[in-house]
Amino acid sequence: MSDFDKYISFENRIDLSVLYEKMAQVKSEVKKVIVGQDQLIDMLLISILASGHSLIEGLPGVAKTLSAKLIAKTISSDFKRIQFTPDLMPSDVTGSSILDLKSNEFEFRRGPIFANIVLIDEINRAPAKTQAALFESMAEHQVSVDGNTYILPIPFIVFATQNPIEHEGTYRLPEAQLDRFLFKINVHYPELEQELEILKEHHAQKASNKEDQVNPVVAAEEIFSFQRLIKSIFVHEELLNYIAQVIIKTRTNPSLTLGASPRASIALLESAKASAALSGRDFVTPEDIRRVASAVLGHRVMLTPEREMEGFTTAYVIDQIINTVEIPR
């Protein structure tokens, strides 16, 4: 029996009961409305606990925006939604300085980015100049306007949705911006049974407003305390080595022209900790790493043109890489 096997038989050293109970309540509230998107809900909660931003991609009508909006509604915090359009200006996001006629001085009017949770709908419909306005806020939790720096509130989480880039009127996000997202979550159509359940629940609700069924169950201050608690989750050295091997193999895989960076390895570590906490454990297992690997790495690596033409996906290559690395036992 390895040191890792011995450790996972221990009881929790960190009290995660409040975190686990609150996250269970959040899921319960969201599932009053959302059917068949359990993985999406779990991944969004993991990103919140890991203090990371999430990019949600899927075809129109698969509850991308609604899921993110309802999760935000379960948290008693400042929430803002920004609809990205081709004519959106950077100042529409960050805010701008406006001349106060009474004092004859410029006053900074904060934009919608100044919130605990920001939902950016159809992020890939805005041009590059507006996209660039998000860089500093997402990476450093601050905004610089007219030579002044303004700190964003804590916690600060961005949920962004986008339609597949092949759709008309959309722009491919640059790699530097994609790297600011902890996760890229792909949302697919529901199965037959889930589709039927959606129809039944919608029919039963008649004229009621579905969103009114969801209530706040956790405070923003609690979320911040949970995020700090995540840092204390135990990770065995064998699992650190496991993460490092996975990252290195993305850089040497012949199917990829761009491998994962050290920022990706840190993102994989922190999201694995959050996955463990969401499961009620104060230690990471290999399953936690495998659970989040595709969402963490899928948008941070790039296929070779040959593999792309052959119909390969980054998720497929990542699964191949993970399967070649020996799992710690």
C-alpha atoms as a PDB file:
ATOM      1  CA  MET A   1       0.000   0.000   0.000  1.00  0.00           C
ATOM      2  CA  SER A   2       1.422   3.391  -1.087  1.00  0.00           C
ATOM      3  CA  ASP A   3       1.484   6.543   1.020  1.00  0.00           C
ATOM      4  CA  PHE A   4      -1.344   7.861  -1.167  1.00  0.00           C
ATOM      5  CA  ASP A   5      -3.546   4.818  -0.425  1.00  0.00           C
ATOM      6  CA  LYS A   6      -2.904   5.214   3.281  1.00  0.00           C
ATOM      7  CA  TYR A   7      -3.869   8.856   3.233  1.00  0.00           C
ATOM      8  CA  ILE A   8      -7.206   8.507   1.448  1.00  0.00           C
ATOM      9  CA  SER A   9      -8.417   6.134   4.160  1.00  0.00           C
ATOM     10  CA  PHE A  10      -8.217   8.955   6.717  1.00  0.00           C
ATOM     11  CA  GLU A  11     -11.138  11.100   7.764  1.00  0.00           C
ATOM     12  CA  ASN A  12     -11.331  14.765   6.780  1.00  0.00           C
ATOM     13  CA  ARG A  13      -8.976  17.059   8.671  1.00  0.00           C
ATOM     14  CA  ILE A  14     -10.738  20.190   7.382  1.00  0.00           C
ATOM     15  CA  ASP A  15     -14.375  20.810   8.230  1.00  0.00           C
ATOM     16  CA  LEU A  16     -16.087  21.036   4.849  1.00  0.00           C
ATOM     17  CA  SER A  17     -19.596  20.387   6.152  1.00  0.00           C
ATOM     18  CA  VAL A  18     -20.838  23.958   5.618  1.00  0.00           C
ATOM     19  CA  LEU A  19     -19.302  24.198   2.158  1.00  0.00           C
ATOM     20  CA  TYR A  20     -20.734  20.829   1.114  1.00  0.00           C
ATOM     21  CA  GLU A  21     -24.189  21.654   2.481  1.00  0.00           C
ATOM     22  CA  LYS A  22     -24.308  25.096   0.851  1.00  0.00           C
ATOM     23  CA  MET A  23     -23.196  23.791  -2.550  1.00  0.00           C
ATOM     24  CA  ALA A  24     -25.796  21.022  -2.326  1.00  0.00           C
ATOM     25  CA  GLN A  25     -28.439  23.682  -1.673  1.00  0.00           C
ATOM     26  CA  VAL A  26     -27.254  25.682  -4.689  1.00  0.00           C
ATOM     27  CA  LYS A  27     -27.539  22.608  -6.926  1.00  0.00           C
ATOM     28  CA  SER A  28     -30.965  21.830  -5.525  1.00  0.00           C
ATOM     29  CA  GLU A  29     -32.205  25.357  -6.260  1.00  0.00           C
ATOM     30  CA  VAL A  30     -30.848  25.388  -9.816  1.00  0.00           C
ATOM     31  CA  LYS A  31     -32.292  21.956 -10.590  1.00  0.00           C
ATOM     32  CA  LYS A  32     -35.761  23.303  -9.872  1.00  0.00           C
ATOM     33  CA  VAL A  33     -35.498  24.812 -13.351  1.00  0.00           C
ATOM     34  CA  ILE A  34     -32.572  23.196 -15.192  1.00  0.00           C
ATOM     35  CA  VAL A  35     -32.943  19.600 -16.358  1.00  0.00           C
ATOM     36  CA  GLY A  36     -30.176  17.372 -17.701  1.00  0.00           C
ATOM     37  CA  GLN A  37     -27.210  19.714 -17.241  1.00  0.00           C
ATOM     38  CA  ASP A  38     -25.721  18.258 -14.046  1.00  0.00           C
ATOM     39  CA  GLN A  39     -22.178  18.349 -15.403  1.00  0.00           C
ATOM     40  CA  LEU A  40     -22.490  22.018 -16.391  1.00  0.00           C
ATOM     41  CA  ILE A  41     -23.803  22.937 -12.937  1.00  0.00           C
ATOM     42  CA  ASP A  42     -21.038  21.009 -11.164  1.00  0.00           C
ATOM     43  CA  MET A  43     -18.309  22.551 -13.316  1.00  0.00           C
ATOM     44  CA  LEU A  44     -19.609  26.078 -12.718  1.00  0.00           C
ATOM     45  CA  LEU A  45     -19.628  25.456  -8.961  1.00  0.00           C
ATOM     46  CA  ILE A  46     -16.090  24.072  -9.118  1.00  0.00           C
ATOM     47  CA  SER A  47     -14.954  27.196 -10.982  1.00  0.00           C
ATOM     48  CA  ILE A  48     -16.536  29.418  -8.326  1.00  0.00           C
ATOM     49  CA  LEU A  49     -14.805  27.528  -5.511  1.00  0.00           C
ATOM     50  CA  ALA A  50     -11.501  27.672  -7.409  1.00  0.00           C
ATOM     51  CA  SER A  51     -11.890  31.451  -7.953  1.00  0.00           C
ATOM     52  CA  GLY A  52     -11.859  30.937 -11.715  1.00  0.00           C
ATOM     53  CA  HIS A  53     -13.832  32.165 -14.706  1.00  0.00           C
ATOM     54  CA  SER A  54     -15.800  29.872 -17.020  1.00  0.00           C
ATOM     55  CA  LEU A  55     -16.480  30.006 -20.746  1.00  0.00           C
ATOM     56  CA  ILE A  56     -19.615  28.073 -21.700  1.00  0.00           C
ATOM     57  CA  GLU A  57     -19.931  27.038 -25.349  1.00  0.00           C
ATOM     58  CA  GLY A  58     -22.942  25.441 -26.982  1.00  0.00           C
ATOM     59  CA  LEU A  59     -25.639  25.842 -29.570  1.00  0.00           C
ATOM     60  CA  PRO A  60     -28.490  28.286 -28.868  1.00  0.00           C
ATOM     61  CA  GLY A  61     -31.220  26.992 -26.569  1.00  0.00           C
ATOM     62  CA  VAL A  62     -29.260  24.567 -24.375  1.00  0.00           C
ATOM     63  CA  ALA A  63     -29.620  26.684 -21.188  1.00  0.00           C
ATOM     64  CA  LYS A  64     -26.103  28.154 -21.134  1.00  0.00           C
ATOM     65  CA  THR A  65     -27.173  31.628 -20.065  1.00  0.00           C
ATOM     66  CA  LEU A  66     -30.011  30.413 -17.863  1.00  0.00           C
ATOM     67  CA  SER A  67     -27.794  28.003 -15.916  1.00  0.00           C
ATOM     68  CA  ALA A  68     -25.188  30.677 -15.182  1.00  0.00           C
ATOM     69  CA  LYS A  69     -27.877  33.222 -14.305  1.00  0.00           C
ATOM     70  CA  LEU A  70     -29.630  30.855 -11.882  1.00  0.00           C
ATOM     71  CA  ILE A  71     -26.397  29.910 -10.120  1.00  0.00           C
ATOM     72  CA  ALA A  72     -25.698  33.611  -9.668  1.00  0.00           C
ATOM     73  CA  LYS A  73     -29.202  34.036  -8.282  1.00  0.00           C
ATOM     74  CA  THR A  74     -28.557  31.452  -5.544  1.00  0.00           C
ATOM     75  CA  ILE A  75     -25.740  33.687  -4.248  1.00  0.00           C
ATOM     76  CA  SER A  76     -26.617  36.858  -2.341  1.00  0.00           C
ATOM     77  CA  SER A  77     -24.208  39.077  -4.241  1.00  0.00           C
ATOM     78  CA  ASP A  78     -23.961  41.877  -6.761  1.00  0.00           C
ATOM     79  CA  PHE A  79     -24.772  40.375 -10.172  1.00  0.00           C
ATOM     80  CA  LYS A  80     -24.505  42.059 -13.567  1.00  0.00           C
ATOM     81  CA  ARG A  81     -25.225  40.805 -17.066  1.00  0.00           C
ATOM     82  CA  ILE A  82     -23.547  42.242 -20.172  1.00  0.00           C
ATOM     83  CA  GLN A  83     -24.880  41.422 -23.637  1.00  0.00           C
ATOM     84  CA  PHE A  84     -21.940  41.575 -26.035  1.00  0.00           C
ATOM     85  CA  THR A  85     -22.688  43.026 -29.467  1.00  0.00           C
ATOM     86  CA  PRO A  86     -20.510  44.139 -32.410  1.00  0.00           C
ATOM     87  CA  ASP A  87     -20.927  47.817 -31.466  1.00  0.00           C
ATOM     88  CA  LEU A  88     -20.088  47.413 -27.740  1.00  0.00           C
ATOM     89  CA  MET A  89     -17.286  49.734 -26.625  1.00  0.00           C
ATOM     90  CA  PRO A  90     -14.669  48.994 -23.911  1.00  0.00           C
ATOM     91  CA  SER A  91     -16.064  51.812 -21.747  1.00  0.00           C
ATOM     92  CA  ASP A  92     -19.460  50.054 -21.842  1.00  0.00           C
ATOM     93  CA  VAL A  93     -17.798  47.257 -19.845  1.00  0.00           C
ATOM     94  CA  THR A  94     -15.244  48.948 -17.601  1.00  0.00           C
ATOM     95  CA  GLY A  95     -16.843  52.363 -17.134  1.00  0.00           C
ATOM     96  CA  SER A  96     -15.585  55.820 -18.049  1.00  0.00           C
ATOM     97  CA  SER A  97     -14.738  59.263 -16.669  1.00  0.00           C
ATOM     98  CA  ILE A  98     -17.538  61.793 -16.987  1.00  0.00           C
ATOM     99  CA  LEU A  99     -17.299  65.536 -16.390  1.00  0.00           C
ATOM    100  CA  ASP A 100     -19.287  66.616 -13.350  1.00  0.00           C
ATOM    101  CA  LEU A 101     -20.662  70.051 -14.242  1.00  0.00           C
ATOM    102  CA  LYS A 102     -21.162  70.987 -10.585  1.00  0.00           C
ATOM    103  CA  SER A 103     -17.569  70.404  -9.487  1.00  0.00           C
ATOM    104  CA  ASN A 104     -16.061  70.847 -12.964  1.00  0.00           C
ATOM    105  CA  GLU A 105     -14.043  67.668 -12.351  1.00  0.00           C
ATOM    106  CA  PHE A 106     -14.052  64.274 -13.979  1.00  0.00           C
ATOM    107  CA  GLU A 107     -15.800  61.530 -12.035  1.00  0.00           C
ATOM    108  CA  PHE A 108     -15.362  57.825 -12.764  1.00  0.00           C
ATOM    109  CA  ARG A 109     -18.643  56.015 -13.411  1.00  0.00           C
ATOM    110  CA  ARG A 110     -18.185  52.301 -12.811  1.00  0.00           C
ATOM    111  CA  GLY A 111     -19.234  49.922 -15.555  1.00  0.00           C
ATOM    112  CA  PRO A 112     -21.082  46.613 -15.154  1.00  0.00           C
ATOM    113  CA  ILE A 113     -17.792  44.726 -14.692  1.00  0.00           C
ATOM    114  CA  PHE A 114     -17.845  45.990 -11.081  1.00  0.00           C
ATOM    115  CA  ALA A 115     -19.860  43.110  -9.608  1.00  0.00           C
ATOM    116  CA  ASN A 116     -19.252  39.863  -7.732  1.00  0.00           C
ATOM    117  CA  ILE A 117     -20.615  37.745 -10.562  1.00  0.00           C
ATOM    118  CA  VAL A 118     -20.635  38.998 -14.140  1.00  0.00           C
ATOM    119  CA  LEU A 119     -22.473  37.122 -16.886  1.00  0.00           C
ATOM    120  CA  ILE A 120     -21.209  37.996 -20.360  1.00  0.00           C
ATOM    121  CA  ASP A 121     -23.654  36.707 -22.936  1.00  0.00           C
ATOM    122  CA  GLU A 122     -22.353  35.811 -26.410  1.00  0.00           C
ATOM    123  CA  ILE A 123     -18.839  36.995 -25.667  1.00  0.00           C
ATOM    124  CA  ASN A 124     -17.591  36.133 -29.155  1.00  0.00           C
ATOM    125  CA  ARG A 125     -19.904  38.656 -30.847  1.00  0.00           C
ATOM    126  CA  ALA A 126     -17.870  41.673 -29.722  1.00  0.00           C
ATOM    127  CA  PRO A 127     -14.739  42.890 -31.572  1.00  0.00           C
ATOM    128  CA  ALA A 128     -11.167  42.536 -30.303  1.00  0.00           C
ATOM    129  CA  LYS A 129     -10.969  46.009 -28.736  1.00  0.00           C
ATOM    130  CA  THR A 130     -13.829  45.235 -26.359  1.00  0.00           C
ATOM    131  CA  GLN A 131     -12.461  41.766 -25.651  1.00  0.00           C
ATOM    132  CA  ALA A 132      -9.170  43.355 -24.617  1.00  0.00           C
ATOM    133  CA  ALA A 133     -10.996  45.406 -21.999  1.00  0.00           C
ATOM    134  CA  LEU A 134     -11.627  42.180 -20.103  1.00  0.00           C
ATOM    135  CA  PHE A 135      -7.979  41.086 -19.897  1.00  0.00           C
ATOM    136  CA  GLU A 136      -6.932  43.097 -16.869  1.00  0.00           C
ATOM    137  CA  SER A 137     -10.161  42.582 -14.945  1.00  0.00           C
ATOM    138  CA  MET A 138     -10.158  38.795 -15.409  1.00  0.00           C
ATOM    139  CA  ALA A 139      -6.461  38.313 -14.720  1.00  0.00           C
ATOM    140  CA  GLU A 140      -5.772  40.888 -12.009  1.00  0.00           C
ATOM    141  CA  HIS A 141      -9.240  41.734 -10.622  1.00  0.00           C
ATOM    142  CA  GLN A 142      -8.771  45.421 -11.363  1.00  0.00           C
ATOM    143  CA  VAL A 143      -9.586  48.012 -14.028  1.00  0.00           C
ATOM    144  CA  SER A 144      -7.324  50.813 -15.248  1.00  0.00           C
ATOM    145  CA  VAL A 145      -9.041  53.862 -16.753  1.00  0.00           C
ATOM    146  CA  ASP A 146      -7.421  57.246 -17.508  1.00  0.00           C
ATOM    147  CA  GLY A 147      -4.311  56.327 -15.539  1.00  0.00           C
ATOM    148  CA  ASN A 148      -6.236  55.300 -12.417  1.00  0.00           C
ATOM    149  CA  THR A 149      -6.629  51.771 -11.088  1.00  0.00           C
ATOM    150  CA  TYR A 150      -9.886  50.568  -9.551  1.00  0.00           C
ATOM    151  CA  ILE A 151     -10.103  47.294  -7.614  1.00  0.00           C
ATOM    152  CA  LEU A 152     -12.964  44.932  -8.413  1.00  0.00           C
ATOM    153  CA  PRO A 153     -15.117  43.491  -5.607  1.00  0.00           C
ATOM    154  CA  ILE A 154     -14.328  40.184  -3.909  1.00  0.00           C
ATOM    155  CA  PRO A 155     -15.294  37.548  -4.876  1.00  0.00           C
ATOM    156  CA  PHE A 156     -15.152  38.280  -8.615  1.00  0.00           C
ATOM    157  CA  ILE A 157     -16.254  35.613 -11.092  1.00  0.00           C
ATOM    158  CA  VAL A 158     -16.979  35.875 -14.819  1.00  0.00           C
ATOM    159  CA  PHE A 159     -19.319  33.477 -16.598  1.00  0.00           C
ATOM    160  CA  ALA A 160     -19.253  33.931 -20.367  1.00  0.00           C
ATOM    161  CA  THR A 161     -21.326  32.162 -22.999  1.00  0.00           C
ATOM    162  CA  GLN A 162     -20.571  31.778 -26.668  1.00  0.00           C
ATOM    163  CA  ASN A 163     -22.052  30.087 -29.691  1.00  0.00           C
ATOM    164  CA  PRO A 164     -19.775  27.856 -31.780  1.00  0.00           C
ATOM    165  CA  ILE A 165     -17.365  29.994 -33.786  1.00  0.00           C
ATOM    166  CA  GLU A 166     -18.696  28.623 -37.083  1.00  0.00           C
ATOM    167  CA  HIS A 167     -21.914  30.611 -36.562  1.00  0.00           C
ATOM    168  CA  GLU A 168     -22.385  33.821 -38.525  1.00  0.00           C
ATOM    169  CA  GLY A 169     -21.403  37.036 -36.771  1.00  0.00           C
ATOM    170  CA  THR A 170     -19.012  35.469 -34.268  1.00  0.00           C
ATOM    171  CA  TYR A 171     -15.282  35.971 -33.740  1.00  0.00           C
ATOM    172  CA  ARG A 172     -12.693  33.480 -32.542  1.00  0.00           C
ATOM    173  CA  LEU A 173     -11.383  34.535 -29.138  1.00  0.00           C
ATOM    174  CA  PRO A 174      -7.588  35.015 -29.034  1.00  0.00           C
ATOM    175  CA  GLU A 175      -5.518  32.460 -27.135  1.00  0.00           C
ATOM    176  CA  ALA A 176      -4.429  35.053 -24.569  1.00  0.00           C
ATOM    177  CA  GLN A 177      -8.042  35.714 -23.628  1.00  0.00           C
ATOM    178  CA  LEU A 178      -9.012  32.037 -23.604  1.00  0.00           C
ATOM    179  CA  ASP A 179      -6.179  31.432 -21.156  1.00  0.00           C
ATOM    180  CA  ARG A 180      -7.895  33.764 -18.672  1.00  0.00           C
ATOM    181  CA  PHE A 181     -10.722  31.263 -18.335  1.00  0.00           C
ATOM    182  CA  LEU A 182     -10.225  28.448 -15.842  1.00  0.00           C
ATOM    183  CA  PHE A 183     -12.739  26.278 -17.717  1.00  0.00           C
ATOM    184  CA  LYS A 184     -14.186  26.013 -21.164  1.00  0.00           C
ATOM    185  CA  ILE A 185     -17.341  23.930 -20.773  1.00  0.00           C
ATOM    186  CA  ASN A 186     -18.987  22.399 -23.827  1.00  0.00           C
ATOM    187  CA  VAL A 187     -22.755  22.021 -23.492  1.00  0.00           C
ATOM    188  CA  HIS A 188     -24.529  19.428 -25.645  1.00  0.00           C
ATOM    189  CA  TYR A 189     -28.129  18.649 -26.492  1.00  0.00           C
ATOM    190  CA  PRO A 190     -30.048  16.622 -23.860  1.00  0.00           C
ATOM    191  CA  GLU A 191     -30.858  12.932 -24.330  1.00  0.00           C
ATOM    192  CA  LEU A 192     -34.376  11.711 -25.167  1.00  0.00           C
ATOM    193  CA  GLU A 193     -35.363  11.097 -21.536  1.00  0.00           C
ATOM    194  CA  GLN A 194     -34.076  14.525 -20.490  1.00  0.00           C
ATOM    195  CA  GLU A 195     -35.850  16.206 -23.399  1.00  0.00           C
ATOM    196  CA  LEU A 196     -39.103  14.566 -22.349  1.00  0.00           C
ATOM    197  CA  GLU A 197     -38.602  15.685 -18.739  1.00  0.00           C
ATOM    198  CA  ILE A 198     -37.994  19.258 -19.920  1.00  0.00           C
ATOM    199  CA  LEU A 199     -41.288  19.219 -21.830  1.00  0.00           C
ATOM    200  CA  LYS A 200     -43.223  17.749 -18.896  1.00  0.00           C
ATOM    201  CA  GLU A 201     -41.864  20.283 -16.398  1.00  0.00           C
ATOM    202  CA  HIS A 202     -42.469  23.197 -18.749  1.00  0.00           C
ATOM    203  CA  HIS A 203     -46.045  22.054 -19.376  1.00  0.00           C
ATOM    204  CA  ALA A 204     -46.717  21.583 -15.642  1.00  0.00           C
ATOM    205  CA  GLN A 205     -45.504  25.099 -14.786  1.00  0.00           C
ATOM    206  CA  LYS A 206     -48.035  26.717 -17.142  1.00  0.00           C
ATOM    207  CA  ALA A 207     -47.638  30.507 -16.897  1.00  0.00           C
ATOM    208  CA  SER A 208     -45.347  30.619 -13.845  1.00  0.00           C
ATOM    209  CA  ASN A 209     -41.988  32.351 -14.066  1.00  0.00           C
ATOM    210  CA  LYS A 210     -39.404  29.590 -13.686  1.00  0.00           C
ATOM    211  CA  GLU A 211     -36.667  31.885 -12.407  1.00  0.00           C
ATOM    212  CA  ASP A 212     -38.819  32.981  -9.461  1.00  0.00           C
ATOM    213  CA  GLN A 213     -38.557  29.447  -8.066  1.00  0.00           C
ATOM    214  CA  VAL A 214     -34.835  29.882  -7.359  1.00  0.00           C
ATOM    215  CA  ASN A 215     -33.849  31.509  -4.052  1.00  0.00           C
ATOM    216  CA  PRO A 216     -30.536  32.771  -2.622  1.00  0.00           C
ATOM    217  CA  VAL A 217     -28.987  30.197  -0.287  1.00  0.00           C
ATOM    218  CA  VAL A 218     -25.399  31.385   0.209  1.00  0.00           C
ATOM    219  CA  ALA A 219     -23.812  34.793   0.827  1.00  0.00           C
ATOM    220  CA  ALA A 220     -20.944  36.294  -1.167  1.00  0.00           C
ATOM    221  CA  GLU A 221     -18.865  36.416   2.043  1.00  0.00           C
ATOM    222  CA  GLU A 222     -19.366  32.656   2.467  1.00  0.00           C
ATOM    223  CA  ILE A 223     -18.211  32.051  -1.102  1.00  0.00           C
ATOM    224  CA  PHE A 224     -15.044  34.020  -0.380  1.00  0.00           C
ATOM    225  CA  SER A 225     -14.399  31.982   2.772  1.00  0.00           C
ATOM    226  CA  PHE A 226     -14.945  28.758   0.781  1.00  0.00           C
ATOM    227  CA  GLN A 227     -12.423  29.923  -1.816  1.00  0.00           C
ATOM    228  CA  ARG A 228      -9.827  30.431   0.915  1.00  0.00           C
ATOM    229  CA  LEU A 229     -10.674  27.055   2.431  1.00  0.00           C
ATOM    230  CA  ILE A 230      -9.985  25.364  -0.913  1.00  0.00           C
ATOM    231  CA  LYS A 231      -6.323  26.378  -0.640  1.00  0.00           C
ATOM    232  CA  SER A 232      -5.939  24.019   2.340  1.00  0.00           C
ATOM    233  CA  ILE A 233      -7.109  20.904   0.486  1.00  0.00           C
ATOM    234  CA  PHE A 234      -4.421  18.217   0.696  1.00  0.00           C
ATOM    235  CA  VAL A 235      -2.662  17.114  -2.495  1.00  0.00           C
ATOM    236  CA  HIS A 236      -0.228  14.203  -2.297  1.00  0.00           C
ATOM    237  CA  GLU A 237       3.147  14.657  -3.983  1.00  0.00           C
ATOM    238  CA  GLU A 238       2.368  11.720  -6.279  1.00  0.00           C
ATOM    239  CA  LEU A 239      -0.607  13.665  -7.631  1.00  0.00           C
ATOM    240  CA  LEU A 240       1.513  16.759  -8.200  1.00  0.00           C
ATOM    241  CA  ASN A 241       3.805  14.578 -10.263  1.00  0.00           C
ATOM    242  CA  TYR A 242       0.758  13.159 -12.079  1.00  0.00           C
ATOM    243  CA  ILE A 243      -0.396  16.672 -13.041  1.00  0.00           C
ATOM    244  CA  ALA A 244       3.104  17.637 -14.180  1.00  0.00           C
ATOM    245  CA  GLN A 245       3.375  14.561 -16.400  1.00  0.00           C
ATOM    246  CA  VAL A 246       0.024  15.287 -18.050  1.00  0.00           C
ATOM    247  CA  ILE A 247       1.070  18.883 -18.767  1.00  0.00           C
ATOM    248  CA  ILE A 248       4.477  17.883 -20.163  1.00  0.00           C
ATOM    249  CA  LYS A 249       2.868  15.328 -22.489  1.00  0.00           C
ATOM    250  CA  THR A 250       0.656  18.029 -24.019  1.00  0.00           C
ATOM    251  CA  ARG A 251       3.850  19.806 -25.083  1.00  0.00           C
ATOM    252  CA  THR A 252       5.355  16.740 -26.752  1.00  0.00           C
ATOM    253  CA  ASN A 253       2.226  15.168 -28.267  1.00  0.00           C
ATOM    254  CA  PRO A 254       2.526  15.006 -32.086  1.00  0.00           C
ATOM    255  CA  SER A 255      -1.181  15.834 -32.491  1.00  0.00           C
ATOM    256  CA  LEU A 256      -0.757  19.238 -30.810  1.00  0.00           C
ATOM    257  CA  THR A 257       1.053  22.347 -32.036  1.00  0.00           C
ATOM    258  CA  LEU A 258       0.468  24.214 -28.780  1.00  0.00           C
ATOM    259  CA  GLY A 259       0.838  22.571 -25.389  1.00  0.00           C
ATOM    260  CA  ALA A 260      -0.351  23.635 -21.943  1.00  0.00           C
ATOM    261  CA  SER A 261       1.534  26.300 -19.984  1.00  0.00           C
ATOM    262  CA  PRO A 262       2.501  26.367 -16.287  1.00  0.00           C
ATOM    263  CA  ARG A 263      -0.642  28.460 -15.738  1.00  0.00           C
ATOM    264  CA  ALA A 264      -2.614  25.456 -16.992  1.00  0.00           C
ATOM    265  CA  SER A 265      -0.934  23.138 -14.478  1.00  0.00           C
ATOM    266  CA  ILE A 266      -1.827  25.506 -11.633  1.00  0.00           C
ATOM    267  CA  ALA A 267      -5.398  25.724 -12.950  1.00  0.00           C
ATOM    268  CA  LEU A 268      -5.590  21.924 -13.030  1.00  0.00           C
ATOM    269  CA  LEU A 269      -4.343  21.738  -9.440  1.00  0.00           C
ATOM    270  CA  GLU A 270      -6.722  24.361  -8.057  1.00  0.00           C
ATOM    271  CA  SER A 271      -9.778  23.025  -9.894  1.00  0.00           C
ATOM    272  CA  ALA A 272      -8.986  19.482  -8.689  1.00  0.00           C
ATOM    273  CA  LYS A 273      -8.960  20.824  -5.114  1.00  0.00           C
ATOM    274  CA  ALA A 274     -12.357  22.441  -5.696  1.00  0.00           C
ATOM    275  CA  SER A 275     -13.685  19.197  -7.184  1.00  0.00           C
ATOM    276  CA  ALA A 276     -12.612  17.336  -4.059  1.00  0.00           C
ATOM    277  CA  ALA A 277     -14.304  19.885  -1.799  1.00  0.00           C
ATOM    278  CA  LEU A 278     -17.513  19.721  -3.841  1.00  0.00           C
ATOM    279  CA  SER A 279     -17.474  15.964  -3.155  1.00  0.00           C
ATOM    280  CA  GLY A 280     -17.016  16.577   0.582  1.00  0.00           C
ATOM    281  CA  ARG A 281     -13.342  15.535   0.725  1.00  0.00           C
ATOM    282  CA  ASP A 282     -10.366  17.516   2.001  1.00  0.00           C
ATOM    283  CA  PHE A 283      -7.922  15.629  -0.229  1.00  0.00           C
ATOM    284  CA  VAL A 284      -7.547  15.290  -4.003  1.00  0.00           C
ATOM    285  CA  THR A 285      -7.812  11.957  -5.807  1.00  0.00           C
ATOM    286  CA  PRO A 286      -6.796  11.089  -9.393  1.00  0.00           C
ATOM    287  CA  GLU A 287     -10.498  11.110 -10.305  1.00  0.00           C
ATOM    288  CA  ASP A 288     -10.711  14.798  -9.371  1.00  0.00           C
ATOM    289  CA  ILE A 289      -7.893  15.596 -11.809  1.00  0.00           C
ATOM    290  CA  ARG A 290      -9.427  13.509 -14.579  1.00  0.00           C
ATOM    291  CA  ARG A 291     -12.827  15.091 -13.941  1.00  0.00           C
ATOM    292  CA  VAL A 292     -11.627  18.618 -14.695  1.00  0.00           C
ATOM    293  CA  ALA A 293      -8.765  17.944 -17.136  1.00  0.00           C
ATOM    294  CA  SER A 294     -10.697  18.406 -20.370  1.00  0.00           C
ATOM    295  CA  ALA A 295     -12.372  21.640 -19.218  1.00  0.00           C
ATOM    296  CA  VAL A 296      -9.033  23.057 -18.022  1.00  0.00           C
ATOM    297  CA  LEU A 297      -6.853  22.004 -20.964  1.00  0.00           C
ATOM    298  CA  GLY A 298      -9.232  21.861 -23.944  1.00  0.00           C
ATOM    299  CA  HIS A 299      -8.992  25.585 -24.748  1.00  0.00           C
ATOM    300  CA  ARG A 300      -5.308  25.864 -23.845  1.00  0.00           C
ATOM    301  CA  VAL A 301      -3.942  23.415 -26.416  1.00  0.00           C
ATOM    302  CA  MET A 302      -4.136  23.509 -30.218  1.00  0.00           C
ATOM    303  CA  LEU A 303      -4.437  20.691 -32.728  1.00  0.00           C
ATOM    304  CA  THR A 304      -2.127  20.375 -35.709  1.00  0.00           C
ATOM    305  CA  PRO A 305      -3.818  21.255 -39.035  1.00  0.00           C
ATOM    306  CA  GLU A 306      -3.587  17.608 -40.083  1.00  0.00           C
ATOM    307  CA  ARG A 307      -5.389  16.320 -36.987  1.00  0.00           C
ATOM    308  CA  GLU A 308      -7.981  19.070 -37.283  1.00  0.00           C
ATOM    309  CA  MET A 309      -8.736  18.041 -40.876  1.00  0.00           C
ATOM    310  CA  GLU A 310      -9.039  14.425 -39.751  1.00  0.00           C
ATOM    311  CA  GLY A 311     -11.812  15.408 -37.330  1.00  0.00           C
ATOM    312  CA  PHE A 312      -9.824  15.108 -34.103  1.00  0.00           C
ATOM    313  CA  THR A 313     -10.842  17.208 -31.097  1.00  0.00           C
ATOM    314  CA  THR A 314      -8.717  18.552 -28.271  1.00  0.00           C
ATOM    315  CA  ALA A 315     -10.898  16.610 -25.813  1.00  0.00           C
ATOM    316  CA  TYR A 316     -10.056  13.354 -27.601  1.00  0.00           C
ATOM    317  CA  VAL A 317      -6.313  14.062 -27.557  1.00  0.00           C
ATOM    318  CA  ILE A 318      -6.408  15.082 -23.885  1.00  0.00           C
ATOM    319  CA  ASP A 319      -8.191  11.829 -23.018  1.00  0.00           C
ATOM    320  CA  GLN A 320      -5.482   9.942 -24.915  1.00  0.00           C
ATOM    321  CA  ILE A 321      -2.755  11.754 -22.978  1.00  0.00           C
ATOM    322  CA  ILE A 322      -4.388  11.129 -19.600  1.00  0.00           C
ATOM    323  CA  ASN A 323      -4.788   7.444 -20.396  1.00  0.00           C
ATOM    324  CA  THR A 324      -1.049   7.139 -21.111  1.00  0.00           C
ATOM    325  CA  VAL A 325      -0.001   8.562 -17.740  1.00  0.00           C
ATOM    326  CA  GLU A 326       0.100   6.033 -14.912  1.00  0.00           C
ATOM    327  CA  ILE A 327      -2.472   6.788 -12.228  1.00  0.00           C
ATOM    328  CA  PRO A 328      -1.027   7.023  -8.679  1.00  0.00           C
ATOM    329  CA  ARG A 329      -2.146   4.095  -6.541  1.00  0.00           C
END
